[in-house]
Amino acid sequence: MPNKIFSVRDLICRTPAAEWHSEGLDWPVRGEQLTRQWKIVSLLSGRVGRSLDQLKAELGSSKRTIQRDIAVLEAAGFPVLSESRDRTVYWRLLDSTKESAEISFNLAELMALYFSRDLLQVLHGSPMQRALDSALEKIGARLPASGHDLLRQLKQQTAVSVTGWKDYSESSKAIDALNRAIRHRLTVRIQHKPLKAPDAQTRAVDPYRLWYTGGGLYLIAHDHAKRAIRTFAVERISGVSTTNQRFTIQDDFDFEAFQRTAFPIHGGQPQLVRIRFSPDQSPYIVERHWHDSQKLIPQDDGSVIMELQVGNLWEVKRWLIGWGADAEVIEPLTLVQEIDKEIRNLTLLSSGDHRSPDSRLPQISSGNHKQSTGVVR
């Protein structure tokens, strides 16, 4: 079935005014706006596109006005792309009739995609989840009756349970705004509330990537105030304001390298961690993939030593404590001390001592650099 082609007037006028205002955009009712946006569509059509300076010269409008017009067109459904060539950013429209190809699936592939919808609960309430639901509904509509019968049989044989997921229904606007800013490499100001802070803080950041890991969606961004890469939990971002300032991703930033040192969220300078797991738990450790850097070294007594290269020890500590006395930290010493402190805090709590953690602990001795993570029973 051929794609339906909409005019600028169709796409703009079929979008309710409330949607424009919710995006912080003006409702385009004036004739000169519509005329200017139509010219922008004409100029951005094709593979070459135009820079903002070229659009300013050809339209006789300010750069800010043109950027707002482009945002209006994007909100109306036009596939606007920005590309950097010779240190100049060019804008163009993706011609879906020329640059996309029909993708066909066989029945088994369609059923596999449809059956996987339960795995997508982790994106509940997000724009991605809504788009995926829509796509899966279309897939379901294409399945024959026999395919639905087989799906019902499969659901009686296989179950999917996802726990610990986050609800992103209050974050949809922030996610949409971050996606646009990442795509066009625009600096944003975010309202972010750190976990232990009483109020939200305004931060100017260059958004590099949205990353789903560890049961949540996170923004990887360069924080202007900290002058460093920071990780922000998306559900704690209450507002996003896009600026007209473009950014360039730092030459020394390598997301794949950052990802390799995360366990599972916070990356950084990698450091060696060595843990001995008991013979009782070593089969469970060996049969799973825990981290891209992991090395498993079997021992003669049936235990296994795991070696990791990770950038944040706090996340490793939290994971290890769940293993109790079946996990023994060999190195680094700082992790041994942190776990020792946590164990003694738990012991004092169980004895009824509810003072603050730092006030109830004696000085930590660094004489022994091994520590079991088990809670004293």
Protein backbone atom coordinates (compact mmCIF):
# COMPACT_ATOMS: atom_id res chain seq x y z
CA MET A 1 0.00 0.00 0.00
CA PRO A 2 1.58 3.34 -1.01
CA ASN A 3 2.48 5.86 1.67
CA LYS A 4 -0.10 8.62 2.12
CA ILE A 5 1.44 12.01 1.41
CA PHE A 6 0.36 14.92 3.62
CA SER A 7 0.87 18.59 2.81
CA VAL A 8 2.37 20.98 5.33
CA ARG A 9 -1.12 22.34 5.96
CA ASP A 10 -2.46 18.82 6.53
CA LEU A 11 0.25 17.92 9.05
CA ILE A 12 0.18 21.21 10.91
CA CYS A 13 -3.56 21.67 11.02
CA ARG A 14 -4.34 18.08 12.04
CA THR A 15 -2.19 18.49 15.18
CA PRO A 16 -4.30 19.77 18.12
CA ALA A 17 -3.25 23.13 19.54
CA ALA A 18 -2.87 21.56 23.00
CA GLU A 19 -0.09 19.32 21.69
CA TRP A 20 1.84 22.29 20.33
CA HIS A 21 1.53 24.21 23.60
CA SER A 22 2.56 21.13 25.61
CA GLU A 23 5.79 21.08 23.59
CA GLY A 24 6.40 24.78 24.30
CA LEU A 25 5.62 25.70 20.66
CA ASP A 26 3.35 28.43 19.29
CA TRP A 27 0.17 27.35 17.55
CA PRO A 28 0.92 28.20 13.87
CA VAL A 29 -2.19 30.07 12.78
CA ARG A 30 -0.71 32.98 10.89
CA GLY A 31 -0.41 32.74 7.12
CA GLU A 32 3.18 33.94 7.00
CA GLN A 33 4.23 31.15 9.37
CA LEU A 34 2.61 28.53 7.17
CA THR A 35 4.20 30.03 4.07
CA ARG A 36 7.63 30.14 5.68
CA GLN A 37 7.33 26.54 6.90
CA TRP A 38 6.28 25.41 3.45
CA LYS A 39 9.41 27.08 2.03
CA ILE A 40 11.52 25.34 4.67
CA VAL A 41 10.06 21.97 3.65
CA SER A 42 10.91 22.73 0.01
CA LEU A 43 14.45 23.83 0.86
CA LEU A 44 15.14 20.86 3.14
CA SER A 45 13.86 18.29 0.66
CA GLY A 46 16.58 16.28 -1.05
CA ARG A 47 19.85 14.85 0.16
CA VAL A 48 21.87 18.08 0.42
CA GLY A 49 19.72 20.10 2.82
CA ARG A 50 20.53 23.57 4.13
CA SER A 51 22.53 25.09 6.97
CA LEU A 52 20.94 27.63 9.30
CA ASP A 53 22.98 30.40 7.65
CA GLN A 54 21.69 29.38 4.23
CA LEU A 55 18.09 29.22 5.48
CA LYS A 56 18.50 32.65 7.11
CA ALA A 57 19.73 34.15 3.85
CA GLU A 58 17.06 32.49 1.70
CA LEU A 59 14.12 33.15 4.03
CA GLY A 60 15.11 36.51 5.48
CA SER A 61 14.30 35.28 9.00
CA SER A 62 16.34 34.97 12.18
CA LYS A 63 18.02 31.70 13.11
CA ARG A 64 15.87 31.41 16.21
CA THR A 65 12.68 31.76 14.16
CA ILE A 66 13.90 29.11 11.72
CA GLN A 67 14.83 26.73 14.53
CA ARG A 68 11.35 27.14 16.03
CA ASP A 69 9.80 26.47 12.61
CA ILE A 70 11.88 23.30 12.29
CA ALA A 71 10.72 22.22 15.76
CA VAL A 72 7.11 22.86 14.68
CA LEU A 73 7.56 20.71 11.57
CA GLU A 74 9.20 17.96 13.60
CA ALA A 75 6.36 17.98 16.13
CA ALA A 76 3.89 17.75 13.23
CA GLY A 77 5.48 14.52 12.03
CA PHE A 78 8.10 15.59 9.50
CA PRO A 79 11.27 13.42 9.71
CA VAL A 80 13.85 16.21 10.19
CA LEU A 81 17.50 15.16 10.20
CA SER A 82 20.62 17.18 11.07
CA GLU A 83 24.04 16.22 9.75
CA SER A 84 27.50 17.68 10.35
CA ARG A 85 29.67 18.21 7.27
CA ASP A 86 32.93 20.16 7.35
CA ARG A 87 32.05 21.50 10.82
CA THR A 88 28.75 22.91 9.52
CA VAL A 89 25.37 21.47 10.50
CA TYR A 90 22.94 20.85 7.65
CA TRP A 91 19.24 20.13 8.07
CA ARG A 92 17.20 18.04 5.67
CA LEU A 93 14.04 15.98 5.45
CA LEU A 94 14.16 12.21 5.18
CA ASP A 95 12.24 11.23 2.05
CA SER A 96 10.45 8.11 3.26
CA THR A 97 9.28 7.24 -0.26
CA LYS A 98 12.90 6.97 -1.46
CA GLU A 99 14.98 6.16 1.60
CA SER A 100 12.96 3.42 3.25
CA ALA A 101 12.33 -0.11 2.07
CA GLU A 102 9.50 -2.45 2.90
CA ILE A 103 10.55 -5.06 5.43
CA SER A 104 8.84 -8.40 5.26
CA PHE A 105 8.67 -11.03 8.02
CA ASN A 106 7.69 -14.66 7.85
CA LEU A 107 5.03 -16.02 10.20
CA ALA A 108 7.53 -17.39 12.73
CA GLU A 109 9.28 -14.01 12.95
CA LEU A 110 6.00 -12.13 13.37
CA MET A 111 4.90 -14.49 16.13
CA ALA A 112 8.25 -14.19 17.92
CA LEU A 113 8.01 -10.39 17.89
CA TYR A 114 4.43 -10.44 19.09
CA PHE A 115 5.21 -12.95 21.84
CA SER A 116 8.05 -10.73 23.11
CA ARG A 117 5.71 -7.93 24.20
CA ASP A 118 5.81 -9.07 27.84
CA LEU A 119 9.55 -8.37 27.86
CA LEU A 120 8.83 -4.71 27.09
CA GLN A 121 7.21 -4.01 30.47
CA VAL A 122 10.50 -2.44 31.55
CA LEU A 123 9.70 0.56 29.30
CA HIS A 124 6.21 1.06 30.74
CA GLY A 125 4.83 4.54 30.13
CA SER A 126 7.68 5.69 27.88
CA PRO A 127 7.26 6.90 24.27
CA MET A 128 9.23 3.85 23.14
CA GLN A 129 6.81 1.50 24.87
CA ARG A 130 3.82 3.20 23.24
CA ALA A 131 5.45 2.98 19.81
CA LEU A 132 6.36 -0.67 20.40
CA ASP A 133 2.80 -1.45 21.50
CA SER A 134 1.49 0.16 18.34
CA ALA A 135 3.90 -1.84 16.19
CA LEU A 136 3.00 -5.08 17.96
CA GLU A 137 -0.71 -4.39 17.51
CA LYS A 138 -0.08 -4.08 13.77
CA ILE A 139 1.82 -7.35 13.85
CA GLY A 140 -1.05 -8.98 15.73
CA ALA A 141 -3.49 -7.75 13.10
CA ARG A 142 -1.46 -9.50 10.39
CA LEU A 143 -1.37 -12.86 12.14
CA PRO A 144 -3.86 -15.43 10.87
CA ALA A 145 -6.26 -17.15 13.27
CA SER A 146 -4.02 -20.21 13.38
CA GLY A 147 -1.13 -17.97 14.46
CA HIS A 148 -3.13 -16.59 17.39
CA ASP A 149 -4.09 -20.13 18.40
CA LEU A 150 -0.43 -21.11 18.47
CA LEU A 151 0.44 -17.99 20.50
CA ARG A 152 -2.13 -18.97 23.12
CA GLN A 153 -0.57 -22.43 23.31
CA LEU A 154 2.92 -20.91 23.67
CA LYS A 155 1.76 -18.67 26.53
CA GLN A 156 0.56 -21.77 28.36
CA GLN A 157 4.03 -23.30 27.96
CA THR A 158 6.29 -20.28 28.56
CA ALA A 159 5.90 -17.38 31.00
CA VAL A 160 7.73 -14.06 31.20
CA SER A 161 8.05 -12.14 34.48
CA VAL A 162 9.83 -8.81 34.77
CA THR A 163 10.34 -7.29 38.23
CA GLY A 164 11.84 -4.05 39.45
CA TRP A 165 10.85 -2.02 36.38
CA LYS A 166 10.15 1.71 36.54
CA ASP A 167 7.05 3.62 35.43
CA TYR A 168 7.94 6.28 32.84
CA SER A 169 4.41 7.59 32.25
CA GLU A 170 5.40 10.88 33.93
CA SER A 171 8.61 11.12 31.90
CA SER A 172 7.27 10.97 28.34
CA LYS A 173 7.79 14.66 27.55
CA ALA A 174 11.28 14.64 29.04
CA ILE A 175 12.24 11.53 27.04
CA ASP A 176 10.91 13.04 23.79
CA ALA A 177 12.79 16.29 24.41
CA LEU A 178 16.02 14.42 25.25
CA ASN A 179 15.73 12.29 22.13
CA ARG A 180 15.40 15.40 19.95
CA ALA A 181 18.31 17.11 21.71
CA ILE A 182 20.52 14.03 21.30
CA ARG A 183 19.59 13.72 17.63
CA HIS A 184 20.35 17.39 16.89
CA ARG A 185 23.16 17.71 19.46
CA LEU A 186 21.64 20.62 21.37
CA THR A 187 22.55 21.55 24.94
CA VAL A 188 19.64 21.24 27.38
CA ARG A 189 18.83 22.45 30.87
CA ILE A 190 17.34 19.71 32.97
CA GLN A 191 15.48 19.81 36.26
CA HIS A 192 17.01 16.83 38.07
CA LYS A 193 16.43 15.72 41.65
CA PRO A 194 19.31 13.66 43.03
CA LEU A 195 18.24 10.71 45.14
CA LYS A 196 19.13 12.28 48.50
CA ALA A 197 18.53 15.94 47.63
CA PRO A 198 15.40 17.70 48.97
CA ASP A 199 14.76 19.67 45.77
CA ALA A 200 15.39 19.46 42.03
CA GLN A 201 18.48 21.17 40.64
CA THR A 202 18.88 22.91 37.29
CA ARG A 203 21.83 21.58 35.32
CA ALA A 204 23.12 22.50 31.86
CA VAL A 205 24.19 19.30 30.11
CA ASP A 206 25.15 18.03 26.67
CA PRO A 207 23.03 14.88 26.22
CA TYR A 208 25.08 12.10 24.62
CA ARG A 209 22.85 9.04 24.88
CA LEU A 210 19.82 7.45 26.52
CA TRP A 211 20.81 4.06 27.90
CA TYR A 212 18.64 1.29 29.29
CA THR A 213 20.57 -0.75 31.86
CA GLY A 214 20.10 -2.19 35.32
CA GLY A 215 16.30 -2.06 35.08
CA GLY A 216 16.11 1.66 34.27
CA LEU A 217 16.59 4.36 31.63
CA TYR A 218 19.54 6.71 32.12
CA LEU A 219 20.86 9.83 30.43
CA ILE A 220 24.59 9.89 29.74
CA ALA A 221 25.59 13.54 29.45
CA HIS A 222 28.42 16.00 29.87
CA ASP A 223 27.64 18.18 32.89
CA HIS A 224 28.78 21.77 32.31
CA ALA A 225 29.15 22.59 36.02
CA LYS A 226 31.05 19.39 36.87
CA ARG A 227 32.97 19.41 33.56
CA ALA A 228 32.60 15.65 33.50
CA ILE A 229 30.43 12.84 32.18
CA ARG A 230 27.49 12.15 34.49
CA THR A 231 24.70 9.57 34.59
CA PHE A 232 21.17 10.81 35.35
CA ALA A 233 18.17 8.59 36.14
CA VAL A 234 15.47 9.69 33.68
CA GLU A 235 12.59 9.28 36.15
CA ARG A 236 14.24 11.96 38.32
CA ILE A 237 14.28 14.49 35.46
CA SER A 238 11.11 16.57 35.82
CA GLY A 239 11.76 19.07 33.04
CA VAL A 240 13.89 19.57 29.94
CA SER A 241 14.49 22.94 28.26
CA THR A 242 16.28 22.83 24.90
CA THR A 243 18.71 25.66 24.09
CA ASN A 244 19.95 26.89 20.71
CA GLN A 245 23.52 25.96 21.64
CA ARG A 246 25.03 23.08 19.70
CA PHE A 247 27.64 20.79 21.24
CA THR A 248 30.28 18.40 19.98
CA ILE A 249 30.83 15.09 21.72
CA GLN A 250 34.21 15.12 23.41
CA ASP A 251 36.92 13.34 21.44
CA ASP A 252 37.97 11.24 24.44
CA PHE A 253 34.44 9.98 25.17
CA ASP A 254 33.93 6.35 24.14
CA PHE A 255 30.49 5.03 25.10
CA GLU A 256 31.47 1.42 24.45
CA ALA A 257 34.44 1.77 26.82
CA PHE A 258 32.22 3.55 29.37
CA GLN A 259 29.68 0.74 29.06
CA ARG A 260 32.32 -1.95 29.56
CA THR A 261 33.35 -0.56 32.96
CA ALA A 262 29.78 -0.06 34.26
CA PHE A 263 28.37 -2.53 36.78
CA PRO A 264 25.72 -2.07 35.61
CA ILE A 265 25.16 1.71 35.53
CA HIS A 266 28.12 3.86 36.55
CA GLY A 267 31.28 3.61 34.48
CA GLY A 268 34.67 5.20 35.04
CA GLN A 269 38.34 4.39 35.35
CA PRO A 270 38.52 0.57 35.42
CA GLN A 271 39.98 -1.14 38.46
CA LEU A 272 40.58 -4.81 39.17
CA VAL A 273 38.16 -6.64 41.46
CA ARG A 274 38.77 -10.25 42.50
CA ILE A 275 36.12 -12.32 44.31
CA ARG A 276 36.15 -15.95 45.41
CA PHE A 277 32.76 -17.71 45.26
CA SER A 278 32.16 -20.81 47.35
CA PRO A 279 31.88 -24.33 45.85
CA ASP A 280 28.14 -24.25 46.59
CA GLN A 281 27.57 -21.15 44.45
CA SER A 282 30.27 -21.52 41.80
CA PRO A 283 28.02 -23.50 39.39
CA TYR A 284 25.49 -20.65 39.49
CA ILE A 285 28.26 -18.10 38.89
CA VAL A 286 29.78 -20.03 35.98
CA GLU A 287 26.53 -20.52 34.08
CA ARG A 288 25.75 -16.79 33.84
CA HIS A 289 27.22 -13.75 32.10
CA TRP A 290 27.69 -11.04 34.74
CA HIS A 291 29.94 -8.51 33.04
CA ASP A 292 31.80 -8.10 29.74
CA SER A 293 35.16 -8.00 31.53
CA GLN A 294 34.62 -11.12 33.66
CA LYS A 295 37.24 -13.85 33.90
CA LEU A 296 36.35 -17.02 35.78
CA ILE A 297 39.19 -19.08 37.26
CA PRO A 298 38.13 -22.51 38.65
CA GLN A 299 39.88 -23.61 41.87
CA ASP A 300 40.83 -27.13 43.02
CA ASP A 301 38.36 -27.02 45.94
CA GLY A 302 35.41 -26.35 43.60
CA SER A 303 35.27 -22.62 44.24
CA VAL A 304 35.75 -20.07 41.45
CA ILE A 305 37.55 -16.75 41.39
CA MET A 306 35.93 -13.98 39.35
CA GLU A 307 38.03 -11.11 38.02
CA LEU A 308 36.30 -7.90 36.88
CA GLN A 309 37.42 -4.54 35.52
CA VAL A 310 34.81 -2.05 36.75
CA GLY A 311 34.59 1.68 37.33
CA ASN A 312 32.35 1.90 40.41
CA LEU A 313 32.85 -0.17 43.54
CA TRP A 314 29.60 0.89 45.23
CA GLU A 315 27.50 -1.07 42.73
CA VAL A 316 29.77 -4.10 43.13
CA LYS A 317 29.45 -3.87 46.92
CA ARG A 318 25.67 -3.83 46.77
CA TRP A 319 25.69 -6.88 44.49
CA LEU A 320 28.19 -8.81 46.61
CA ILE A 321 26.35 -8.34 49.90
CA GLY A 322 23.46 -10.34 48.47
CA TRP A 323 25.74 -13.37 48.21
CA GLY A 324 26.36 -13.46 51.94
CA ALA A 325 29.21 -15.68 53.14
CA ASP A 326 29.48 -17.36 49.73
CA ALA A 327 31.46 -14.40 48.32
CA GLU A 328 34.91 -13.45 49.62
CA VAL A 329 36.54 -10.24 48.32
CA ILE A 330 40.23 -10.74 47.60
CA GLU A 331 40.92 -7.24 46.25
CA PRO A 332 40.84 -4.24 46.21
CA LEU A 333 41.34 -3.31 49.85
CA THR A 334 38.92 -0.37 49.63
CA LEU A 335 36.09 -2.74 48.67
CA VAL A 336 37.01 -5.06 51.55
CA GLN A 337 36.79 -2.15 53.97
CA GLU A 338 33.47 -0.90 52.59
CA ILE A 339 31.89 -4.34 52.92
CA ASP A 340 33.36 -4.75 56.42
CA LYS A 341 31.76 -1.44 57.39
CA GLU A 342 28.40 -2.48 55.93
CA ILE A 343 28.44 -5.82 57.78
CA ARG A 344 29.14 -4.18 61.12
CA ASN A 345 26.38 -1.62 60.52
CA LEU A 346 23.93 -4.46 59.90
CA THR A 347 25.14 -6.27 63.03
CA LEU A 348 24.63 -3.19 65.18
CA LEU A 349 21.19 -2.58 63.68
CA SER A 350 20.14 -6.14 64.47
CA SER A 351 21.26 -5.57 68.08
CA GLY A 352 19.03 -2.48 68.36
CA ASP A 353 21.69 0.23 67.87
CA HIS A 354 20.01 2.88 65.67
CA ARG A 355 22.64 5.59 65.76
CA SER A 356 23.94 7.02 62.45
CA PRO A 357 26.30 4.56 60.70
CA ASP A 358 29.48 6.65 61.09
CA SER A 359 28.99 7.29 64.83
CA ARG A 360 28.53 3.66 65.81
CA LEU A 361 31.56 2.15 64.02
CA PRO A 362 35.08 1.82 65.44
CA GLN A 363 38.14 2.51 63.30
CA ILE A 364 38.50 0.01 60.45
CA SER A 365 41.68 -2.03 60.58
CA SER A 366 43.44 -2.62 57.27
CA GLY A 367 45.50 -5.54 58.52
CA ASN A 368 43.51 -8.28 56.80
CA HIS A 369 42.68 -7.54 53.18
CA LYS A 370 40.14 -10.35 52.73
CA GLN A 371 36.55 -10.23 53.85
CA SER A 372 33.56 -12.48 53.52
CA THR A 373 30.39 -10.57 52.68
CA GLY A 374 28.26 -12.65 55.04
CA VAL A 375 26.07 -11.01 57.66
CA VAL A 376 26.88 -12.19 61.20
CA ARG A 377 24.18 -14.65 62.19
